[in-house]
Amino acid sequence: MADDFDMIAGLDVADDFEPGIAEAARLTVARHATDAGDCADLLTMLGLAEDKSRPRGCRECSGPLSLLTISGKCGLRDFCSYKCRDAATRAGR
């Protein structure tokens, strides 16, 4: 068991991922998490927690996003509802 920890301690950690790779990893975690709290915990543990400078919430109304809409499973990625997605699409955003 001690040998396992020695192997882990010797690994290099990449602090600067390419944006696409980090985003894909976040989406994979969101798809497999049981709820929003679980998702947040896993992202923090993996060092993939959202950048605080990035706006959070719906791109149209800034409302909260559910785990389902964050994961993109229903085609609402970054929108809280079809209404907001359609409004942004019509406005060209």
Protein backbone atom coordinates (compact mmCIF):
# COMPACT_ATOMS: atom_id res chain seq x y z
CA MET A 1 0.00 0.00 0.00
CA ALA A 2 2.82 2.42 0.81
CA ASP A 3 4.25 1.75 -2.66
CA ASP A 4 0.98 2.98 -4.22
CA PHE A 5 1.25 6.29 -2.40
CA ASP A 6 4.89 6.66 -3.40
CA MET A 7 3.87 6.20 -7.05
CA ILE A 8 1.12 8.83 -6.75
CA ALA A 9 3.38 11.31 -4.98
CA GLY A 10 5.87 11.10 -7.86
CA LEU A 11 3.34 12.15 -10.51
CA ASP A 12 3.54 15.56 -12.10
CA VAL A 13 0.36 17.63 -11.93
CA ALA A 14 -0.66 19.73 -14.91
CA ASP A 15 -2.04 23.05 -13.68
CA ASP A 16 -2.79 24.55 -17.07
CA PHE A 17 -5.10 22.44 -19.20
CA GLU A 18 -6.17 23.46 -22.65
CA PRO A 19 -9.61 25.04 -22.24
CA GLY A 20 -11.34 22.40 -24.35
CA ILE A 21 -9.91 19.50 -22.34
CA ALA A 22 -10.88 21.00 -18.99
CA GLU A 23 -14.40 21.78 -20.24
CA ALA A 24 -14.84 18.23 -21.57
CA ALA A 25 -13.70 16.82 -18.23
CA ARG A 26 -16.15 19.08 -16.35
CA LEU A 27 -19.02 17.93 -18.57
CA THR A 28 -18.10 14.28 -18.06
CA VAL A 29 -18.13 14.76 -14.29
CA ALA A 30 -21.49 16.57 -14.49
CA ARG A 31 -23.00 13.75 -16.57
CA HIS A 32 -21.99 11.12 -14.02
CA ALA A 33 -22.61 13.02 -10.77
CA THR A 34 -25.66 12.11 -8.70
CA ASP A 35 -26.61 15.73 -7.91
CA ALA A 36 -25.23 19.28 -8.01
CA GLY A 37 -23.45 18.93 -4.65
CA ASP A 38 -21.77 15.71 -5.76
CA CYS A 39 -20.72 17.39 -8.99
CA ALA A 40 -19.20 20.35 -7.15
CA ASP A 41 -17.33 18.05 -4.74
CA LEU A 42 -15.93 15.92 -7.56
CA LEU A 43 -14.84 18.94 -9.60
CA THR A 44 -13.08 20.40 -6.56
CA MET A 45 -11.33 17.10 -5.80
CA LEU A 46 -10.14 16.82 -9.39
CA GLY A 47 -8.95 20.42 -9.55
CA LEU A 48 -11.53 21.24 -12.20
CA ALA A 49 -13.74 23.61 -10.21
CA GLU A 50 -15.19 26.45 -12.26
CA ASP A 51 -13.10 29.55 -12.73
CA LYS A 52 -14.58 32.30 -10.54
CA SER A 53 -14.08 34.85 -13.31
CA ARG A 54 -16.42 32.92 -15.60
CA PRO A 55 -20.05 34.03 -15.35
CA ARG A 56 -22.38 31.48 -13.79
CA GLY A 57 -25.99 30.83 -14.51
CA CYS A 58 -28.16 31.11 -17.57
CA ARG A 59 -26.61 33.06 -20.46
CA GLU A 60 -29.93 34.80 -21.11
CA CYS A 61 -31.45 35.58 -17.68
CA SER A 62 -28.57 34.75 -15.27
CA GLY A 63 -30.89 32.34 -13.45
CA PRO A 64 -29.58 29.18 -11.78
CA LEU A 65 -28.75 26.14 -13.90
CA SER A 66 -29.77 22.60 -12.98
CA LEU A 67 -27.31 19.72 -13.19
CA LEU A 68 -29.18 18.48 -16.27
CA THR A 69 -28.74 21.76 -18.13
CA ILE A 70 -25.09 22.05 -17.11
CA SER A 71 -24.36 18.58 -18.49
CA GLY A 72 -25.92 19.42 -21.85
CA LYS A 73 -27.98 16.21 -22.00
CA CYS A 74 -31.16 18.05 -23.00
CA GLY A 75 -29.70 20.57 -25.45
CA LEU A 76 -29.90 23.49 -22.99
CA ARG A 77 -26.22 23.91 -22.22
CA ASP A 78 -25.73 27.31 -20.50
CA PHE A 79 -29.48 28.07 -20.57
CA CYS A 80 -32.02 27.43 -17.80
CA SER A 81 -34.96 26.77 -20.14
CA TYR A 82 -35.97 26.36 -23.77
CA LYS A 83 -37.55 29.82 -23.54
CA CYS A 84 -34.18 31.42 -22.69
CA ARG A 85 -32.33 29.36 -25.31
CA ASP A 86 -34.84 30.32 -28.01
CA ALA A 87 -34.76 34.01 -27.02
CA ALA A 88 -30.97 34.07 -27.22
CA THR A 89 -31.03 32.26 -30.56
CA ARG A 90 -33.51 34.77 -32.01
CA ALA A 91 -31.38 37.65 -30.71
CA GLY A 92 -28.23 36.09 -32.20
CA ARG A 93 -26.48 35.50 -28.85
